[in-house]
């Protein structure tokens, strides 16, 4: 796996295109714009996330931010949410209504987050304090 392939000197002189540093970190030059991006796969989808502009963010800072985002992804948190500063616990470690059969069934069947908008097909939660869909307890 490619790792730390770029140097600060090379970054300053790159022409247009995407230049990979490794472990998902890329330096993109398009027109007069230069930015750092983080490429990753989450919930079966390939995504690319802009993490900072150059020269405001150095190569060392971009690598540190990339490491943070990889760590979040490894914990089950979407790097987009981690970059936005959301403090979302990983889905598999989050509590749900253990006494509610709808929550138990949903959690065992569908562990992915629905971005806060649960489909109408989701079972309703029987918890009197949570008159939301079952996934509300572990969704974003």
C-alpha atoms as a PDB file:
ATOM      1  CA  UNK A   1       0.000   0.000   0.000  1.00  0.00           C
ATOM      2  CA  UNK A   2       1.244   3.440  -0.934  1.00  0.00           C
ATOM      3  CA  UNK A   3       2.203   5.591   2.042  1.00  0.00           C
ATOM      4  CA  UNK A   4       3.771   9.062   2.357  1.00  0.00           C
ATOM      5  CA  UNK A   5       4.556   9.223  -1.364  1.00  0.00           C
ATOM      6  CA  UNK A   6       4.514  13.020  -1.610  1.00  0.00           C
ATOM      7  CA  UNK A   7       7.027  15.564  -0.386  1.00  0.00           C
ATOM      8  CA  UNK A   8       6.342  19.180   0.580  1.00  0.00           C
ATOM      9  CA  UNK A   9       8.590  20.361  -2.260  1.00  0.00           C
ATOM     10  CA  UNK A  10       6.782  18.223  -4.843  1.00  0.00           C
ATOM     11  CA  UNK A  11       3.359  19.404  -3.648  1.00  0.00           C
ATOM     12  CA  UNK A  12       4.337  23.023  -4.257  1.00  0.00           C
ATOM     13  CA  UNK A  13       5.228  22.297  -7.887  1.00  0.00           C
ATOM     14  CA  UNK A  14       2.464  19.910  -9.026  1.00  0.00           C
ATOM     15  CA  UNK A  15       0.512  20.669 -12.171  1.00  0.00           C
ATOM     16  CA  UNK A  16      -3.123  19.661 -12.710  1.00  0.00           C
ATOM     17  CA  UNK A  17      -4.386  16.241 -11.653  1.00  0.00           C
ATOM     18  CA  UNK A  18      -4.757  14.061  -8.588  1.00  0.00           C
ATOM     19  CA  UNK A  19      -1.612  13.023  -6.788  1.00  0.00           C
ATOM     20  CA  UNK A  20      -1.844  10.230  -4.203  1.00  0.00           C
ATOM     21  CA  UNK A  21       0.081  10.324  -0.947  1.00  0.00           C
ATOM     22  CA  UNK A  22      -1.323   7.004   0.247  1.00  0.00           C
ATOM     23  CA  UNK A  23      -3.872   5.664   2.713  1.00  0.00           C
ATOM     24  CA  UNK A  24      -6.652   7.684   1.072  1.00  0.00           C
ATOM     25  CA  UNK A  25      -4.920  11.076   1.112  1.00  0.00           C
ATOM     26  CA  UNK A  26      -4.708  12.888  -2.234  1.00  0.00           C
ATOM     27  CA  UNK A  27      -3.576  16.282  -3.444  1.00  0.00           C
ATOM     28  CA  UNK A  28      -5.793  17.656  -6.206  1.00  0.00           C
ATOM     29  CA  UNK A  29      -4.871  20.478  -8.575  1.00  0.00           C
ATOM     30  CA  UNK A  30      -7.680  21.740 -10.787  1.00  0.00           C
ATOM     31  CA  UNK A  31      -7.250  25.062 -12.560  1.00  0.00           C
ATOM     32  CA  UNK A  32      -5.860  27.486  -9.988  1.00  0.00           C
ATOM     33  CA  UNK A  33      -7.316  25.531  -7.055  1.00  0.00           C
ATOM     34  CA  UNK A  34      -5.212  23.222  -4.910  1.00  0.00           C
ATOM     35  CA  UNK A  35      -6.766  21.096  -2.179  1.00  0.00           C
ATOM     36  CA  UNK A  36      -6.346  18.004  -0.052  1.00  0.00           C
ATOM     37  CA  UNK A  37      -8.920  15.236  -0.378  1.00  0.00           C
ATOM     38  CA  UNK A  38      -9.532  12.017   1.498  1.00  0.00           C
ATOM     39  CA  UNK A  39     -10.838   9.056  -0.493  1.00  0.00           C
ATOM     40  CA  UNK A  40     -12.558   6.231   1.382  1.00  0.00           C
ATOM     41  CA  UNK A  41     -15.217   3.551   1.213  1.00  0.00           C
ATOM     42  CA  UNK A  42     -18.049   3.597   3.743  1.00  0.00           C
ATOM     43  CA  UNK A  43     -21.190   1.452   3.793  1.00  0.00           C
ATOM     44  CA  UNK A  44     -20.288   0.037   0.404  1.00  0.00           C
ATOM     45  CA  UNK A  45     -19.940   3.417  -1.316  1.00  0.00           C
ATOM     46  CA  UNK A  46     -16.750   5.066  -2.530  1.00  0.00           C
ATOM     47  CA  UNK A  47     -16.530   8.704  -1.405  1.00  0.00           C
ATOM     48  CA  UNK A  48     -14.142  11.612  -1.637  1.00  0.00           C
ATOM     49  CA  UNK A  49     -14.008  14.336   0.968  1.00  0.00           C
ATOM     50  CA  UNK A  50     -12.297  17.730   0.683  1.00  0.00           C
ATOM     51  CA  UNK A  51     -10.328  18.251   3.892  1.00  0.00           C
ATOM     52  CA  UNK A  52      -8.410  21.469   3.281  1.00  0.00           C
ATOM     53  CA  UNK A  53      -6.954  23.937   0.815  1.00  0.00           C
ATOM     54  CA  UNK A  54      -3.290  24.323   0.014  1.00  0.00           C
ATOM     55  CA  UNK A  55      -1.195  26.192   1.188  1.00  0.00           C
ATOM     56  CA  UNK A  56      -3.405  26.905   4.246  1.00  0.00           C
ATOM     57  CA  UNK A  57      -3.103  23.195   5.125  1.00  0.00           C
ATOM     58  CA  UNK A  58       0.409  21.761   4.868  1.00  0.00           C
ATOM     59  CA  UNK A  59       1.307  18.210   3.885  1.00  0.00           C
ATOM     60  CA  UNK A  60       1.968  17.308   7.542  1.00  0.00           C
ATOM     61  CA  UNK A  61      -1.411  18.740   8.623  1.00  0.00           C
ATOM     62  CA  UNK A  62      -3.187  16.909   5.796  1.00  0.00           C
ATOM     63  CA  UNK A  63      -1.557  13.619   6.828  1.00  0.00           C
ATOM     64  CA  UNK A  64      -2.628  14.177  10.438  1.00  0.00           C
ATOM     65  CA  UNK A  65      -6.212  14.959   9.372  1.00  0.00           C
ATOM     66  CA  UNK A  66      -6.207  11.890   7.095  1.00  0.00           C
ATOM     67  CA  UNK A  67      -5.092   9.731  10.031  1.00  0.00           C
ATOM     68  CA  UNK A  68      -7.942  11.143  12.171  1.00  0.00           C
ATOM     69  CA  UNK A  69     -10.468  10.380   9.445  1.00  0.00           C
ATOM     70  CA  UNK A  70      -9.135   6.836   8.954  1.00  0.00           C
ATOM     71  CA  UNK A  71      -9.400   6.247  12.702  1.00  0.00           C
ATOM     72  CA  UNK A  72     -13.008   7.502  12.719  1.00  0.00           C
ATOM     73  CA  UNK A  73     -13.838   5.222   9.801  1.00  0.00           C
ATOM     74  CA  UNK A  74     -12.265   2.261  11.607  1.00  0.00           C
ATOM     75  CA  UNK A  75     -14.501   3.010  14.621  1.00  0.00           C
ATOM     76  CA  UNK A  76     -17.596   2.918  12.380  1.00  0.00           C
ATOM     77  CA  UNK A  77     -18.075   6.690  12.058  1.00  0.00           C
ATOM     78  CA  UNK A  78     -18.503   8.244   8.625  1.00  0.00           C
ATOM     79  CA  UNK A  79     -15.483  10.526   8.050  1.00  0.00           C
ATOM     80  CA  UNK A  80     -17.829  13.238   6.714  1.00  0.00           C
ATOM     81  CA  UNK A  81     -19.442  13.467  10.124  1.00  0.00           C
ATOM     82  CA  UNK A  82     -16.081  13.302  11.908  1.00  0.00           C
ATOM     83  CA  UNK A  83     -14.777  16.185   9.782  1.00  0.00           C
ATOM     84  CA  UNK A  84     -17.879  18.224  10.588  1.00  0.00           C
ATOM     85  CA  UNK A  85     -17.098  17.744  14.276  1.00  0.00           C
ATOM     86  CA  UNK A  86     -20.033  15.474  15.017  1.00  0.00           C
ATOM     87  CA  UNK A  87     -19.499  13.306  18.052  1.00  0.00           C
ATOM     88  CA  UNK A  88     -21.412  10.263  16.894  1.00  0.00           C
ATOM     89  CA  UNK A  89     -20.716   6.974  18.610  1.00  0.00           C
ATOM     90  CA  UNK A  90     -20.219   3.961  16.379  1.00  0.00           C
ATOM     91  CA  UNK A  91     -23.480   2.217  15.561  1.00  0.00           C
ATOM     92  CA  UNK A  92     -22.413  -1.166  16.930  1.00  0.00           C
ATOM     93  CA  UNK A  93     -21.533   0.359  20.308  1.00  0.00           C
ATOM     94  CA  UNK A  94     -24.574   2.586  20.716  1.00  0.00           C
ATOM     95  CA  UNK A  95     -27.409   1.703  23.064  1.00  0.00           C
ATOM     96  CA  UNK A  96     -30.873   0.897  21.844  1.00  0.00           C
ATOM     97  CA  UNK A  97     -34.095  -0.074  23.602  1.00  0.00           C
ATOM     98  CA  UNK A  98     -33.290  -3.600  24.749  1.00  0.00           C
ATOM     99  CA  UNK A  99     -36.852  -4.070  25.946  1.00  0.00           C
ATOM    100  CA  UNK A 100     -38.342  -3.016  22.616  1.00  0.00           C
ATOM    101  CA  UNK A 101     -38.763  -5.904  20.112  1.00  0.00           C
ATOM    102  CA  UNK A 102     -38.868  -3.451  17.201  1.00  0.00           C
ATOM    103  CA  UNK A 103     -35.450  -2.035  18.158  1.00  0.00           C
ATOM    104  CA  UNK A 104     -33.980  -5.482  18.698  1.00  0.00           C
ATOM    105  CA  UNK A 105     -35.201  -6.715  15.324  1.00  0.00           C
ATOM    106  CA  UNK A 106     -34.028  -3.609  13.514  1.00  0.00           C
ATOM    107  CA  UNK A 107     -30.609  -3.533  15.149  1.00  0.00           C
ATOM    108  CA  UNK A 108     -29.891  -7.171  14.373  1.00  0.00           C
ATOM    109  CA  UNK A 109     -31.111  -6.828  10.769  1.00  0.00           C
ATOM    110  CA  UNK A 110     -29.965  -3.380   9.695  1.00  0.00           C
ATOM    111  CA  UNK A 111     -26.912  -1.904  11.437  1.00  0.00           C
ATOM    112  CA  UNK A 112     -26.426   0.991   9.054  1.00  0.00           C
ATOM    113  CA  UNK A 113     -27.260   4.612   9.685  1.00  0.00           C
ATOM    114  CA  UNK A 114     -30.065   6.236   7.720  1.00  0.00           C
ATOM    115  CA  UNK A 115     -28.764   9.774   8.102  1.00  0.00           C
ATOM    116  CA  UNK A 116     -31.505  10.692  10.549  1.00  0.00           C
ATOM    117  CA  UNK A 117     -34.305  10.061   8.025  1.00  0.00           C
ATOM    118  CA  UNK A 118     -35.671   6.631   8.733  1.00  0.00           C
ATOM    119  CA  UNK A 119     -37.673   5.003   5.935  1.00  0.00           C
ATOM    120  CA  UNK A 120     -41.399   4.563   6.544  1.00  0.00           C
ATOM    121  CA  UNK A 121     -40.869   0.796   6.500  1.00  0.00           C
ATOM    122  CA  UNK A 122     -38.913   0.996   9.781  1.00  0.00           C
ATOM    123  CA  UNK A 123     -40.773  -0.419  12.771  1.00  0.00           C
ATOM    124  CA  UNK A 124     -41.887   2.137  15.337  1.00  0.00           C
ATOM    125  CA  UNK A 125     -40.189   2.031  18.709  1.00  0.00           C
ATOM    126  CA  UNK A 126     -42.404   1.028  21.638  1.00  0.00           C
ATOM    127  CA  UNK A 127     -40.428   3.086  24.131  1.00  0.00           C
ATOM    128  CA  UNK A 128     -42.808   5.701  25.549  1.00  0.00           C
ATOM    129  CA  UNK A 129     -40.016   8.276  25.831  1.00  0.00           C
ATOM    130  CA  UNK A 130     -38.960   7.778  22.211  1.00  0.00           C
ATOM    131  CA  UNK A 131     -41.929   8.060  19.883  1.00  0.00           C
ATOM    132  CA  UNK A 132     -39.544   7.834  16.945  1.00  0.00           C
ATOM    133  CA  UNK A 133     -38.565   5.041  14.636  1.00  0.00           C
ATOM    134  CA  UNK A 134     -36.432   2.338  16.222  1.00  0.00           C
ATOM    135  CA  UNK A 135     -33.287   3.443  14.439  1.00  0.00           C
ATOM    136  CA  UNK A 136     -33.419   6.883  16.084  1.00  0.00           C
ATOM    137  CA  UNK A 137     -31.492   5.487  19.043  1.00  0.00           C
ATOM    138  CA  UNK A 138     -28.459   4.624  16.950  1.00  0.00           C
ATOM    139  CA  UNK A 139     -28.784   6.813  13.883  1.00  0.00           C
ATOM    140  CA  UNK A 140     -26.960  10.073  13.370  1.00  0.00           C
END
